[in-house]
Amino acid sequence: MFQSSNAEDVPPSASPQVSAAEWSEAWDRVRRRLRAELGEDVYSSWFGRLDLVAVADATAHLSVPTRFLKSWIQSHYIDRVRQLVADEFSGVTQITLAVRGAAQRAPVRSVAAQPDASPSMPAAAKASTDRMPTERGPAAEADGITGSPLDRRLTFSTFLLGRSNALAHAAAERVARIEPGAAPLYNPLYVHAAVGLGKTHLLHAIGHEVTAAGRRAIYLTADRFMYDFVSALKSQNALAFKERLRGIDLLVIDDVQFLQGKSIQQEFCHTINALVDAGRQVVVAADRPPADLESLDERVRSRLAGGLVVEMGALDEALRIKILEARIEAARTHQPSFEVNPTVVAHVAKIITTNGRDLDGAVNRLLAHTTLTGGPLTVEAAEVAIRDLVRSREPKKVKIEDIQKLVATHYNVSRADILSSRRSAGVVKPRQVAMYLSKVLTLRSLPEIGRRFGGRDHTTVLHAVRKIEASATADLALREDIELLKRMLQD
């Protein structure tokens, strides 16, 4: 049975027979199975912000941040989510899906219950769920347009700097602290990074800085922008929506890769053009560069690429240690006895290399281990506590651009040759190998791959894939070349 509810209807209690750590592990298994079944792109798009709030009365209460996500999951995936929850949660037969309200505490990933659920609730869960509430800055509502809430914890002062994010941080500070009346230096500012590397933190920090200066700003996720625009169309207030949105000083759009629909993308492009032309600042974030956003209209990509494009790279080991130390110190405010040896911190930073969210999860697990077992937190104990995070690491995400560059270097041609219309044997073979690798190592469709190879038709890509597959069967040298290229791209 599936039930839908408002966020405030979610009961705060959990089953006293099962610990929060066990619910946490069960929810992690559900997430891993969803990721494995649906693929990384689909999982990130629709389930990355699906959280477990509580478990009570044979029901798992889930939440998402927007009504748009709730509607989509209900329409397309709710039966599968319910089945996975029933498989992994002992005694749970129902689920509810709620929308997290602006004033509601954001639920913590992989923590099943609220802190006072039962006497057996471990301190690890309490430390994880005692989170500061979000807030709207003084200008978060611009003439009737309600933006997504700003998290008061995500400021420039709490942003941890490393080599991978220093440039993005400097650009964000410059944008946020520009003198009133001065023309924007980088417009739009486009920040891209993989999940959990801090781009949303920077966006919130910009929003806080601008609103603190008394200027009008609004922060929107892409799905919130879509929802508000569609609602305005339905209520016949589209013109007022456009005018109000274009009357602000700063527009921040997060996760722009999720922007869908021709009319919505057109309005988004018109809004950016109007704000930039009027000297208003636009800041956009996504998980890839503008050129790689194949689902977006070419005009949108061109406009986004016309400003300053900054990448936030993977967290280096020194930065991962900083993040762990900061999270441990925060946890100690709730559990003063929580201590982690520097050797353990260094070990965790060495083996968890994916993103900041996994580092958060590692601290939660270390805290749970110390509070539930009472044993010393050695390197060996830490490895046991975080083993699911290490095992669930996703393989490196390969980009078509990286494939083209590596294949070009390997065959001693240029990337421009691969993208050109030249049909000499010395160019055709590398081009077909690159197309083949793009098909087997990425989730891109044949038409998308064709567009990335100089605007070729999908049938050309299909021919190249079949040709390389057939040739590699009989040609040992080609087969070895392909295996070598695969290893180099995935390492």
Foldseek 3Di string as FASTA:
>chain_A
DEDEDAPVPDDFAADPVDEQLLQLVLLVVLLLVCCVVPPPVVCCLQPVQKAFEAHDDLETEIEGADPLSVVVCVVPPVVVSQVSSPVRPPSRRYYYYYHADLFHQRGFHSGHGAQPRDPRHFLLSPLRRPADTFAAFPQQQFPNRHARTFRPCLALVNDFDDPLCPVVSVLLVCQLPPDPPDFGPFAAEEEAAAPFACPVSSLSNSNNSNSVVVFHEHEHELSRLVVVCVVCVVVVNNVVVLVRLLPGQEYEYEANLNHADDVSLVSVLVSSVSNNVVRGYYYYYHHDQLVLSVRHDPSSSVNRVPGHYYYRYWDDLVRQLVLLVVLQVSSCVSVVVDDDDSVLSSLVSVQQGGHSSLSNVLSSQSSCCCRVVVDDDDNVNSCVSSVVNNVSDDFDQFDLVVLLCVLCVVLVHHSVLLLDPDDDPSNVLSNLLSLLCCVPRHPDDLQSSCVVSNNHHSVVSVVSNVVLVVVVVPDVVSVVVSVVSVVVRRD
